Protein backbone atom coordinates (compact mmCIF):
# COMPACT_ATOMS: atom_id res chain seq x y z
CA MET A 1 -12.47 115.30 208.50
CA ILE A 2 -10.32 113.22 206.14
CA ARG A 3 -10.71 114.52 202.59
CA VAL A 4 -9.96 112.01 199.83
CA MET A 5 -9.94 112.52 196.05
CA MET A 6 -9.81 109.36 193.91
CA ILE A 7 -8.37 109.99 190.45
CA CYS A 8 -8.06 108.21 187.11
CA TYR A 9 -7.76 109.29 183.50
CA GLY A 10 -11.43 109.84 182.61
CA ASN A 11 -13.35 109.67 185.92
CA ILE A 12 -15.87 107.22 184.50
CA CYS A 13 -14.44 103.79 185.47
CA ARG A 14 -11.82 103.36 188.18
CA SER A 15 -11.98 106.57 190.21
CA PRO A 16 -15.77 106.60 190.61
CA MET A 17 -15.58 102.90 191.51
CA ALA A 18 -13.02 103.77 194.19
CA GLU A 19 -15.04 106.79 195.36
CA PHE A 20 -18.26 104.85 195.84
CA LEU A 21 -16.58 101.73 197.26
CA LEU A 22 -14.69 103.76 199.85
CA ARG A 23 -17.87 105.66 200.75
CA ASP A 24 -19.67 102.34 201.22
CA MET A 25 -16.84 100.96 203.37
CA VAL A 26 -16.69 103.97 205.70
CA GLN A 27 -20.48 104.06 205.98
CA LYS A 28 -20.62 100.37 206.97
CA ARG A 29 -17.93 101.06 209.60
CA GLY A 30 -19.87 104.01 211.01
CA LEU A 31 -17.18 106.45 209.89
CA ALA A 32 -19.02 108.35 207.14
CA ASP A 33 -19.02 111.59 209.15
CA LYS A 34 -15.21 111.47 209.36
CA PHE A 35 -14.65 111.39 205.57
CA HIS A 36 -15.32 113.51 202.51
CA ILE A 37 -14.72 111.37 199.41
CA ALA A 38 -14.84 112.51 195.77
CA SER A 39 -13.31 111.57 192.42
CA ALA A 40 -11.95 113.35 189.37
CA ALA A 41 -10.16 112.90 186.04
CA THR A 42 -6.75 114.00 184.88
CA SER A 43 -8.07 114.49 181.33
CA THR A 44 -10.96 116.43 179.80
CA GLU A 45 -12.15 113.60 177.54
CA GLU A 46 -15.14 112.44 179.59
CA ILE A 47 -16.09 115.63 181.48
CA GLY A 48 -19.85 115.70 182.07
CA ASN A 49 -20.34 112.05 181.13
CA GLY A 50 -21.88 109.59 183.55
CA VAL A 51 -20.17 106.60 185.12
CA HIS A 52 -19.30 103.81 182.65
CA TYR A 53 -21.95 101.08 182.50
CA GLY A 54 -19.37 98.44 183.48
CA THR A 55 -18.61 100.27 186.74
CA ARG A 56 -22.30 100.94 187.39
CA LYS A 57 -23.12 97.27 186.81
CA LYS A 58 -20.29 95.97 189.01
CA LEU A 59 -21.13 98.30 191.90
CA ALA A 60 -24.87 97.54 191.57
CA GLU A 61 -24.04 93.85 192.15
CA HIS A 62 -22.92 94.98 195.61
CA GLY A 63 -25.86 97.32 196.22
CA ILE A 64 -23.88 100.49 195.50
CA SER A 65 -25.37 103.23 193.32
CA THR A 66 -23.46 105.90 191.39
CA ASP A 67 -26.57 107.94 190.58
CA GLY A 68 -25.87 111.59 189.87
CA LYS A 69 -22.10 111.21 189.36
CA THR A 70 -20.64 112.81 186.26
CA ALA A 71 -16.99 113.14 185.33
CA VAL A 72 -15.13 116.22 186.54
CA GLN A 73 -11.52 117.25 186.05
CA LEU A 74 -8.96 117.67 188.80
CA LYS A 75 -7.95 121.33 189.17
CA ARG A 76 -4.98 123.02 190.80
CA SER A 77 -7.45 124.71 193.17
CA ASP A 78 -8.29 121.25 194.59
CA ALA A 79 -4.78 121.04 196.10
CA ASP A 80 -5.75 122.71 199.36
CA LYS A 81 -9.20 121.09 199.58
CA TYR A 82 -8.06 117.47 200.02
CA ASP A 83 -5.66 115.55 202.25
CA TYR A 84 -5.16 112.60 199.88
CA PHE A 85 -5.06 112.51 196.09
CA ILE A 86 -5.16 108.83 195.18
CA GLY A 87 -4.42 107.78 191.60
CA MET A 88 -5.09 104.40 190.09
CA ASP A 89 -1.83 104.03 188.16
CA SER A 90 1.63 105.53 187.67
CA GLN A 91 0.51 107.61 184.69
CA ASN A 92 -2.20 109.16 186.88
CA ILE A 93 0.39 110.01 189.54
CA ARG A 94 2.50 111.93 187.00
CA ALA A 95 -0.57 113.80 185.72
CA ILE A 96 -1.83 114.59 189.25
CA THR A 97 1.59 115.95 190.18
CA ARG A 98 1.66 118.07 187.01
CA ILE A 99 -1.82 119.49 187.74
CA LEU A 100 -1.39 120.13 191.48
CA GLY A 101 2.29 121.00 191.49
CA GLU A 102 5.32 119.27 192.92
CA GLU A 103 4.83 121.09 196.23
CA HIS A 104 1.80 118.85 196.90
CA ARG A 105 3.64 115.57 196.16
CA ASP A 106 3.35 114.46 199.80
CA LYS A 107 -0.46 114.23 199.36
CA ILE A 108 -0.33 112.14 196.15
CA PHE A 109 -0.50 108.34 196.32
CA ARG A 110 -1.19 105.35 194.10
CA LEU A 111 -4.08 103.34 195.60
CA LEU A 112 -2.38 99.96 195.68
CA ASP A 113 0.77 101.43 197.23
CA PHE A 114 -1.13 101.15 200.52
CA SER A 115 -1.41 97.38 199.97
CA ASP A 116 1.08 94.56 200.48
CA ASN A 117 1.26 94.17 196.68
CA PRO A 118 1.90 97.66 195.18
CA ARG A 119 0.95 97.91 191.50
CA ASP A 120 -1.14 99.82 188.99
CA ILE A 121 -4.86 99.17 188.67
CA ALA A 122 -5.54 98.29 185.05
CA ASP A 123 -8.06 100.45 183.22
CA PRO A 124 -11.18 98.38 182.48
CA TRP A 125 -11.95 100.72 179.57
CA TYR A 126 -9.21 98.76 177.79
CA THR A 127 -9.24 95.40 179.62
CA HIS A 128 -13.05 95.11 179.81
CA ASN A 129 -12.46 93.26 183.08
CA PHE A 130 -14.41 95.16 185.72
CA ASP A 131 -14.19 92.18 188.10
CA VAL A 132 -10.39 92.44 188.40
CA THR A 133 -10.63 96.23 188.71
CA TYR A 134 -13.23 95.87 191.46
CA ASP A 135 -11.08 93.37 193.38
CA ASP A 136 -8.01 95.60 193.07
CA ILE A 137 -9.92 98.66 194.26
CA VAL A 138 -11.39 96.77 197.23
CA GLU A 139 -7.86 95.66 198.14
CA GLY A 140 -6.58 99.23 197.85
CA CYS A 141 -9.44 100.82 199.79
CA GLU A 142 -9.15 98.28 202.61
CA ALA A 143 -5.40 98.92 202.78
CA PHE A 144 -5.96 102.69 202.73
CA LEU A 145 -8.40 102.46 205.63
CA LYS A 146 -5.90 100.36 207.57
CA TYR A 147 -3.23 102.98 206.83
CA ILE A 148 -5.51 105.77 208.05
CA ASN A 149 -6.34 103.79 211.20
CA ASP A 150 -2.68 103.00 211.90
CA PHE A 151 -1.66 106.57 211.11
CA SER A 152 -4.19 108.31 213.35
């Protein structure tokens, strides 16, 4: 079982988008039983809130539901529960490392670092551009799956 935690600042835009997109991708490939995929926030600002309407709308365009998802915060106790902690930007990586501890640094990645064009994924909370965020996350999730396939 490959255990993946997607992480962003509030767990209402990017990380749930990545969580549900990756779930959809592995399901369509017949690999759902090989993965456990979740998402969390580095902050406490949105804890308990549902997924942002922009993310819900964008995923719904592709037949993906986020029903039942509410924001949760990453905890130090998650360190041993997951194989990959995947942040959306460099600021997330610093916060994830602070929360989990430097000793878990080998499990912490930025999503688009798996791609041929490493970069941060802009926060659509500020950009209001959920289309670009979606495209970036698809690129990152596809690259991550290729990495997993090449690695195993």
